[in-house]
Amino acid sequence: VSLARIVAAAYAYRDRLHEAPQQMRLIGGIMSNPQPQLKPADAQIVLSNMLGILGSVRDAFVAAVDADALLPGDPMERALLTWASLRGVAETRKLSQHMPEVFDESSLFRSAVSSLLVGCGAQLALVEDALIFALKVREEEL
């Protein structure tokens, strides 16, 4: 169950990336531009809000460690790695129109989540169970 919380959060973030691409492009543009795009005070507000949202993902990592599903590690770093990885994977969705055999965003998403969790000490079989469980719950919600 603890890994399923992380997987569910990853799917929720993925959904948000696809539902609000204009907001995601704004964030990507701010991040990728070498020149500061925000005043320092505004950047603090944006980053504080972002870290607040990532708090639930951080908490899911803490719960997974407490349940012995993951090895100990910095939960906020893990949440940030999840966020950054999934942002990168989401960028492949558009590329899949041209080379779907290479840029299969769904497959890359599952691999990214699996790799992150296994890298944090999860057993691959439990990660696969969490991915299947999350998909089942999502299908029931639709």
N, C-alpha and C. Protein backbone atom coordinates (compact mmCIF):
# COMPACT_ATOMS: atom_id res chain seq x y z
N VAL A 1 0.83 -1.20 0.00
CA VAL A 1 0.00 0.00 0.00
C VAL A 1 0.87 1.26 0.00
N SER A 2 1.99 1.23 0.72
CA SER A 2 2.83 2.43 0.80
C SER A 2 3.43 2.78 -0.56
N LEU A 3 3.82 1.77 -1.33
CA LEU A 3 4.34 2.06 -2.67
C LEU A 3 3.22 2.54 -3.59
N ALA A 4 2.03 2.02 -3.38
CA ALA A 4 0.89 2.44 -4.21
C ALA A 4 0.59 3.93 -4.02
N ARG A 5 0.82 4.46 -2.83
CA ARG A 5 0.63 5.91 -2.62
C ARG A 5 1.57 6.72 -3.50
N ILE A 6 2.81 6.27 -3.60
CA ILE A 6 3.79 6.97 -4.43
C ILE A 6 3.40 6.86 -5.89
N VAL A 7 3.02 5.66 -6.31
CA VAL A 7 2.61 5.45 -7.70
C VAL A 7 1.37 6.28 -8.02
N ALA A 8 0.41 6.33 -7.11
CA ALA A 8 -0.80 7.13 -7.33
C ALA A 8 -0.45 8.61 -7.47
N ALA A 9 0.48 9.08 -6.65
CA ALA A 9 0.91 10.48 -6.76
C ALA A 9 1.59 10.73 -8.10
N ALA A 10 2.37 9.77 -8.56
CA ALA A 10 3.04 9.91 -9.87
C ALA A 10 2.01 9.99 -10.99
N TYR A 11 1.01 9.13 -10.94
CA TYR A 11 -0.05 9.17 -11.96
C TYR A 11 -0.83 10.48 -11.89
N ALA A 12 -1.10 10.97 -10.70
CA ALA A 12 -1.82 12.24 -10.56
C ALA A 12 -1.00 13.39 -11.17
N TYR A 13 0.30 13.37 -10.94
CA TYR A 13 1.15 14.40 -11.53
C TYR A 13 1.18 14.29 -13.05
N ARG A 14 1.27 13.06 -13.54
CA ARG A 14 1.25 12.84 -14.99
C ARG A 14 -0.05 13.37 -15.60
N ASP A 15 -1.16 13.08 -14.94
CA ASP A 15 -2.45 13.59 -15.42
C ASP A 15 -2.43 15.11 -15.50
N ARG A 16 -1.90 15.74 -14.47
CA ARG A 16 -1.85 17.21 -14.43
C ARG A 16 -0.98 17.75 -15.56
N LEU A 17 0.13 17.08 -15.84
CA LEU A 17 0.99 17.51 -16.94
C LEU A 17 0.25 17.50 -18.27
N HIS A 18 -0.61 16.51 -18.47
CA HIS A 18 -1.33 16.39 -19.73
C HIS A 18 -2.60 17.24 -19.77
N GLU A 19 -3.19 17.50 -18.60
CA GLU A 19 -4.42 18.29 -18.55
C GLU A 19 -4.16 19.79 -18.63
N ALA A 20 -3.01 20.23 -18.20
CA ALA A 20 -2.69 21.66 -18.18
C ALA A 20 -1.34 21.92 -18.83
N PRO A 21 -1.18 21.59 -20.11
CA PRO A 21 0.13 21.74 -20.73
C PRO A 21 0.63 23.18 -20.77
N GLN A 22 -0.29 24.15 -20.84
CA GLN A 22 0.13 25.54 -20.88
C GLN A 22 0.84 25.93 -19.57
N GLN A 23 0.34 25.45 -18.44
CA GLN A 23 1.01 25.73 -17.17
C GLN A 23 2.36 25.03 -17.11
N MET A 24 2.40 23.82 -17.63
CA MET A 24 3.65 23.07 -17.60
C MET A 24 4.70 23.72 -18.49
N ARG A 25 4.26 24.26 -19.65
CA ARG A 25 5.20 24.96 -20.53
C ARG A 25 5.74 26.21 -19.84
N LEU A 26 4.89 26.88 -19.09
CA LEU A 26 5.32 28.07 -18.36
C LEU A 26 6.41 27.70 -17.36
N ILE A 27 6.16 26.65 -16.60
CA ILE A 27 7.16 26.21 -15.62
C ILE A 27 8.44 25.77 -16.33
N GLY A 28 8.29 25.01 -17.42
CA GLY A 28 9.46 24.58 -18.17
C GLY A 28 10.25 25.74 -18.74
N GLY A 29 9.54 26.75 -19.24
CA GLY A 29 10.21 27.93 -19.79
C GLY A 29 10.98 28.70 -18.73
N ILE A 30 10.39 28.81 -17.56
CA ILE A 30 11.06 29.50 -16.45
C ILE A 30 12.31 28.72 -16.04
N MET A 31 12.19 27.40 -16.00
CA MET A 31 13.31 26.57 -15.55
C MET A 31 14.43 26.50 -16.58
N SER A 32 14.08 26.44 -17.85
CA SER A 32 15.09 26.21 -18.87
C SER A 32 15.80 27.48 -19.34
N ASN A 33 15.23 28.62 -19.09
CA ASN A 33 15.85 29.87 -19.53
C ASN A 33 17.01 30.22 -18.59
N PRO A 34 18.21 30.45 -19.13
CA PRO A 34 19.36 30.75 -18.26
C PRO A 34 19.23 32.09 -17.54
N GLN A 35 18.41 32.97 -18.05
CA GLN A 35 18.20 34.27 -17.40
C GLN A 35 17.06 34.16 -16.39
N PRO A 36 17.20 34.78 -15.24
CA PRO A 36 16.10 34.74 -14.26
C PRO A 36 14.81 35.30 -14.88
N GLN A 37 13.71 34.57 -14.71
CA GLN A 37 12.43 34.96 -15.27
C GLN A 37 11.51 35.56 -14.22
N LEU A 38 11.84 35.38 -12.97
CA LEU A 38 11.03 35.89 -11.87
C LEU A 38 11.89 36.73 -10.94
N LYS A 39 11.25 37.70 -10.34
CA LYS A 39 11.92 38.46 -9.29
C LYS A 39 12.14 37.51 -8.12
N PRO A 40 13.21 37.72 -7.34
CA PRO A 40 13.49 36.81 -6.22
C PRO A 40 12.30 36.58 -5.30
N ALA A 41 11.55 37.62 -4.97
CA ALA A 41 10.40 37.45 -4.08
C ALA A 41 9.33 36.56 -4.72
N ASP A 42 9.10 36.75 -6.04
CA ASP A 42 8.12 35.93 -6.74
C ASP A 42 8.60 34.49 -6.85
N ALA A 43 9.89 34.31 -7.08
CA ALA A 43 10.45 32.96 -7.16
C ALA A 43 10.26 32.22 -5.84
N GLN A 44 10.44 32.92 -4.74
CA GLN A 44 10.24 32.30 -3.43
C GLN A 44 8.80 31.82 -3.25
N ILE A 45 7.86 32.60 -3.71
CA ILE A 45 6.44 32.22 -3.61
C ILE A 45 6.17 30.98 -4.46
N VAL A 46 6.66 30.99 -5.70
CA VAL A 46 6.45 29.86 -6.60
C VAL A 46 7.09 28.59 -6.02
N LEU A 47 8.33 28.72 -5.57
CA LEU A 47 9.03 27.54 -5.04
C LEU A 47 8.39 27.04 -3.74
N SER A 48 7.94 27.94 -2.91
CA SER A 48 7.26 27.52 -1.68
C SER A 48 5.99 26.75 -1.99
N ASN A 49 5.23 27.24 -2.97
CA ASN A 49 4.01 26.53 -3.38
C ASN A 49 4.35 25.16 -3.96
N MET A 50 5.37 25.12 -4.80
CA MET A 50 5.78 23.85 -5.41
C MET A 50 6.19 22.85 -4.34
N LEU A 51 7.01 23.29 -3.38
CA LEU A 51 7.47 22.40 -2.33
C LEU A 51 6.31 21.96 -1.44
N GLY A 52 5.33 22.83 -1.26
CA GLY A 52 4.14 22.45 -0.50
C GLY A 52 3.37 21.33 -1.18
N ILE A 53 3.23 21.46 -2.49
CA ILE A 53 2.54 20.41 -3.26
C ILE A 53 3.33 19.11 -3.21
N LEU A 54 4.64 19.21 -3.30
CA LEU A 54 5.47 18.00 -3.25
C LEU A 54 5.52 17.38 -1.85
N GLY A 55 5.00 18.10 -0.87
CA GLY A 55 4.97 17.57 0.49
C GLY A 55 4.21 16.27 0.60
N SER A 56 3.13 16.13 -0.16
CA SER A 56 2.37 14.87 -0.09
C SER A 56 3.17 13.72 -0.68
N VAL A 57 3.97 14.01 -1.70
CA VAL A 57 4.83 12.96 -2.28
C VAL A 57 5.94 12.62 -1.28
N ARG A 58 6.51 13.65 -0.68
CA ARG A 58 7.54 13.42 0.36
C ARG A 58 6.96 12.54 1.47
N ASP A 59 5.75 12.86 1.91
CA ASP A 59 5.11 12.09 2.98
C ASP A 59 4.88 10.63 2.58
N ALA A 60 4.57 10.41 1.30
CA ALA A 60 4.39 9.04 0.81
C ALA A 60 5.71 8.28 0.86
N PHE A 61 6.81 8.95 0.56
CA PHE A 61 8.12 8.30 0.67
C PHE A 61 8.45 7.99 2.13
N VAL A 62 8.13 8.90 3.04
CA VAL A 62 8.35 8.65 4.47
C VAL A 62 7.56 7.42 4.91
N ALA A 63 6.29 7.35 4.50
CA ALA A 63 5.45 6.21 4.88
C ALA A 63 6.00 4.90 4.33
N ALA A 64 6.53 4.94 3.11
CA ALA A 64 7.09 3.73 2.51
C ALA A 64 8.34 3.27 3.26
N VAL A 65 9.16 4.20 3.71
CA VAL A 65 10.33 3.84 4.51
C VAL A 65 9.86 3.27 5.85
N ASP A 66 8.88 3.92 6.47
CA ASP A 66 8.36 3.44 7.76
C ASP A 66 7.77 2.04 7.65
N ALA A 67 7.23 1.71 6.48
CA ALA A 67 6.64 0.39 6.25
C ALA A 67 7.68 -0.63 5.76
N ASP A 68 8.95 -0.22 5.74
CA ASP A 68 10.05 -1.07 5.26
C ASP A 68 9.91 -1.46 3.80
N ALA A 69 9.19 -0.66 3.01
CA ALA A 69 9.07 -0.91 1.58
C ALA A 69 10.22 -0.25 0.81
N LEU A 70 10.86 0.74 1.43
CA LEU A 70 12.01 1.44 0.84
C LEU A 70 13.12 1.53 1.88
N LEU A 71 14.34 1.68 1.41
CA LEU A 71 15.46 1.95 2.30
C LEU A 71 15.40 3.42 2.72
N PRO A 72 15.99 3.75 3.87
CA PRO A 72 16.01 5.15 4.29
C PRO A 72 16.71 6.04 3.26
N GLY A 73 16.25 7.26 3.17
CA GLY A 73 16.83 8.24 2.26
C GLY A 73 16.08 9.55 2.41
N ASP A 74 16.61 10.59 1.84
CA ASP A 74 16.01 11.92 1.94
C ASP A 74 14.68 11.94 1.19
N PRO A 75 13.56 12.05 1.88
CA PRO A 75 12.26 11.98 1.21
C PRO A 75 11.98 13.17 0.27
N MET A 76 12.47 14.35 0.60
CA MET A 76 12.24 15.49 -0.30
C MET A 76 13.08 15.35 -1.56
N GLU A 77 14.29 14.85 -1.42
CA GLU A 77 15.11 14.60 -2.60
C GLU A 77 14.42 13.59 -3.51
N ARG A 78 13.85 12.57 -2.93
CA ARG A 78 13.14 11.56 -3.71
C ARG A 78 11.91 12.16 -4.40
N ALA A 79 11.19 13.02 -3.69
CA ALA A 79 10.03 13.68 -4.29
C ALA A 79 10.47 14.57 -5.46
N LEU A 80 11.56 15.29 -5.28
CA LEU A 80 12.08 16.15 -6.36
C LEU A 80 12.55 15.33 -7.55
N LEU A 81 13.20 14.20 -7.30
CA LEU A 81 13.62 13.33 -8.39
C LEU A 81 12.42 12.78 -9.15
N THR A 82 11.37 12.43 -8.44
CA THR A 82 10.15 11.96 -9.08
C THR A 82 9.57 13.04 -9.96
N TRP A 83 9.46 14.24 -9.43
CA TRP A 83 8.92 15.38 -10.17
C TRP A 83 9.75 15.65 -11.43
N ALA A 84 11.06 15.75 -11.27
CA ALA A 84 11.93 16.07 -12.40
C ALA A 84 11.91 14.96 -13.46
N SER A 85 11.93 13.72 -13.01
CA SER A 85 11.92 12.60 -13.95
C SER A 85 10.64 12.55 -14.76
N LEU A 86 9.52 12.72 -14.08
CA LEU A 86 8.23 12.63 -14.78
C LEU A 86 8.00 13.82 -15.71
N ARG A 87 8.55 14.97 -15.37
CA ARG A 87 8.48 16.11 -16.29
C ARG A 87 9.21 15.76 -17.58
N GLY A 88 10.37 15.16 -17.45
CA GLY A 88 11.13 14.77 -18.64
C GLY A 88 10.42 13.72 -19.47
N VAL A 89 9.85 12.73 -18.81
CA VAL A 89 9.12 11.69 -19.52
C VAL A 89 7.92 12.28 -20.25
N ALA A 90 7.23 13.22 -19.62
CA ALA A 90 6.04 13.82 -20.24
C ALA A 90 6.39 14.51 -21.56
N GLU A 91 7.61 15.00 -21.67
CA GLU A 91 8.04 15.67 -22.90
C GLU A 91 8.08 14.72 -24.08
N THR A 92 8.17 13.42 -23.81
CA THR A 92 8.25 12.45 -24.91
C THR A 92 6.90 12.18 -25.57
N ARG A 93 5.83 12.60 -24.92
CA ARG A 93 4.49 12.31 -25.47
C ARG A 93 4.33 12.88 -26.88
N LYS A 94 4.78 14.10 -27.06
CA LYS A 94 4.67 14.73 -28.37
C LYS A 94 5.55 14.02 -29.40
N LEU A 95 6.71 13.58 -28.97
CA LEU A 95 7.62 12.88 -29.87
C LEU A 95 7.06 11.54 -30.33
N SER A 96 6.18 10.96 -29.52
CA SER A 96 5.63 9.65 -29.86
C SER A 96 4.78 9.69 -31.14
N GLN A 97 4.33 10.87 -31.52
CA GLN A 97 3.57 11.00 -32.77
C GLN A 97 4.45 10.66 -33.97
N HIS A 98 5.74 10.86 -33.83
CA HIS A 98 6.67 10.65 -34.94
C HIS A 98 7.39 9.31 -34.87
N MET A 99 7.68 8.85 -33.65
CA MET A 99 8.38 7.58 -33.47
C MET A 99 7.81 6.85 -32.26
N PRO A 100 6.58 6.34 -32.37
CA PRO A 100 5.94 5.71 -31.20
C PRO A 100 6.69 4.48 -30.68
N GLU A 101 7.43 3.81 -31.55
CA GLU A 101 8.17 2.63 -31.10
C GLU A 101 9.33 3.01 -30.18
N VAL A 102 9.78 4.24 -30.25
CA VAL A 102 10.89 4.70 -29.41
C VAL A 102 10.37 5.53 -28.24
N PHE A 103 9.45 6.43 -28.51
CA PHE A 103 8.95 7.38 -27.52
C PHE A 103 7.57 6.98 -27.02
N ASP A 104 7.49 5.82 -26.39
CA ASP A 104 6.24 5.34 -25.80
C ASP A 104 6.14 5.93 -24.40
N GLU A 105 5.45 7.04 -24.28
CA GLU A 105 5.40 7.78 -23.02
C GLU A 105 4.85 6.94 -21.88
N SER A 106 3.85 6.12 -22.13
CA SER A 106 3.29 5.28 -21.06
C SER A 106 4.32 4.28 -20.54
N SER A 107 5.03 3.66 -21.45
CA SER A 107 6.05 2.70 -21.05
C SER A 107 7.21 3.39 -20.33
N LEU A 108 7.62 4.55 -20.85
CA LEU A 108 8.70 5.30 -20.21
C LEU A 108 8.28 5.77 -18.81
N PHE A 109 7.02 6.15 -18.66
CA PHE A 109 6.51 6.56 -17.35
C PHE A 109 6.62 5.40 -16.36
N ARG A 110 6.12 4.24 -16.74
CA ARG A 110 6.17 3.08 -15.84
C ARG A 110 7.62 2.72 -15.50
N SER A 111 8.50 2.79 -16.50
CA SER A 111 9.92 2.48 -16.27
C SER A 111 10.56 3.49 -15.34
N ALA A 112 10.23 4.76 -15.51
CA ALA A 112 10.80 5.80 -14.65
C ALA A 112 10.36 5.60 -13.20
N VAL A 113 9.07 5.38 -13.00
CA VAL A 113 8.57 5.18 -11.64
C VAL A 113 9.20 3.92 -11.03
N SER A 114 9.23 2.85 -11.80
CA SER A 114 9.81 1.60 -11.32
C SER A 114 11.29 1.78 -10.97
N SER A 115 12.04 2.42 -11.85
CA SER A 115 13.47 2.63 -11.61
C SER A 115 13.72 3.48 -10.37
N LEU A 116 12.92 4.52 -10.21
CA LEU A 116 13.07 5.38 -9.02
C LEU A 116 12.83 4.58 -7.74
N LEU A 117 11.76 3.80 -7.73
CA LEU A 117 11.43 3.06 -6.52
C LEU A 117 12.43 1.94 -6.25
N VAL A 118 12.83 1.22 -7.27
CA VAL A 118 13.83 0.17 -7.08
C VAL A 118 15.15 0.80 -6.63
N GLY A 119 15.48 1.95 -7.19
CA GLY A 119 16.69 2.65 -6.78
C GLY A 119 16.64 3.11 -5.33
N CYS A 120 15.44 3.23 -4.79
CA CYS A 120 15.26 3.61 -3.38
C CYS A 120 15.16 2.38 -2.48
N GLY A 121 15.32 1.19 -3.09
CA GLY A 121 15.35 -0.02 -2.29
C GLY A 121 14.10 -0.88 -2.35
N ALA A 122 13.13 -0.52 -3.17
CA ALA A 122 11.91 -1.33 -3.27
C ALA A 122 12.19 -2.62 -4.03
N GLN A 123 11.46 -3.66 -3.69
CA GLN A 123 11.54 -4.91 -4.44
C GLN A 123 10.75 -4.74 -5.73
N LEU A 124 11.34 -5.18 -6.83
CA LEU A 124 10.71 -5.00 -8.14
C LEU A 124 9.31 -5.60 -8.19
N ALA A 125 9.11 -6.75 -7.61
CA ALA A 125 7.79 -7.39 -7.63
C ALA A 125 6.75 -6.53 -6.92
N LEU A 126 7.14 -5.88 -5.83
CA LEU A 126 6.20 -5.02 -5.10
C LEU A 126 5.90 -3.75 -5.89
N VAL A 127 6.89 -3.25 -6.60
CA VAL A 127 6.67 -2.08 -7.46
C VAL A 127 5.70 -2.43 -8.57
N GLU A 128 5.91 -3.58 -9.19
CA GLU A 128 5.00 -4.00 -10.25
C GLU A 128 3.59 -4.18 -9.73
N ASP A 129 3.45 -4.74 -8.52
CA ASP A 129 2.12 -4.87 -7.90
C ASP A 129 1.49 -3.49 -7.67
N ALA A 130 2.29 -2.54 -7.22
CA ALA A 130 1.78 -1.18 -6.97
C ALA A 130 1.33 -0.51 -8.27
N LEU A 131 2.10 -0.72 -9.34
CA LEU A 131 1.71 -0.16 -10.64
C LEU A 131 0.39 -0.78 -11.13
N ILE A 132 0.25 -2.07 -10.99
CA ILE A 132 -0.98 -2.75 -11.41
C ILE A 132 -2.15 -2.28 -10.56
N PHE A 133 -1.93 -2.18 -9.25
CA PHE A 133 -2.99 -1.73 -8.35
C PHE A 133 -3.43 -0.31 -8.69
N ALA A 134 -2.48 0.58 -8.94
CA ALA A 134 -2.80 1.97 -9.27
C ALA A 134 -3.60 2.05 -10.57
N LEU A 135 -3.23 1.26 -11.55
CA LEU A 135 -3.98 1.24 -12.81
C LEU A 135 -5.40 0.72 -12.60
N LYS A 136 -5.54 -0.30 -11.78
CA LYS A 136 -6.86 -0.86 -11.50
C LYS A 136 -7.74 0.18 -10.82
N VAL A 137 -7.21 0.87 -9.84
CA VAL A 137 -7.97 1.91 -9.13
C VAL A 137 -8.35 3.03 -10.09
N ARG A 138 -7.42 3.42 -10.95
CA ARG A 138 -7.70 4.49 -11.92
C ARG A 138 -8.82 4.08 -12.87
N GLU A 139 -8.80 2.83 -13.32
CA GLU A 139 -9.84 2.36 -14.24
C GLU A 139 -11.20 2.35 -13.56
N GLU A 140 -11.23 1.98 -12.28
CA GLU A 140 -12.49 1.96 -11.54
C GLU A 140 -13.04 3.37 -11.33
N GLU A 141 -12.13 4.35 -11.20
CA GLU A 141 -12.56 5.74 -11.01
C GLU A 141 -13.12 6.34 -12.27
N LEU A 142 -12.69 5.85 -13.43
CA LEU A 142 -13.17 6.38 -14.71
C LEU A 142 -14.50 5.77 -15.00
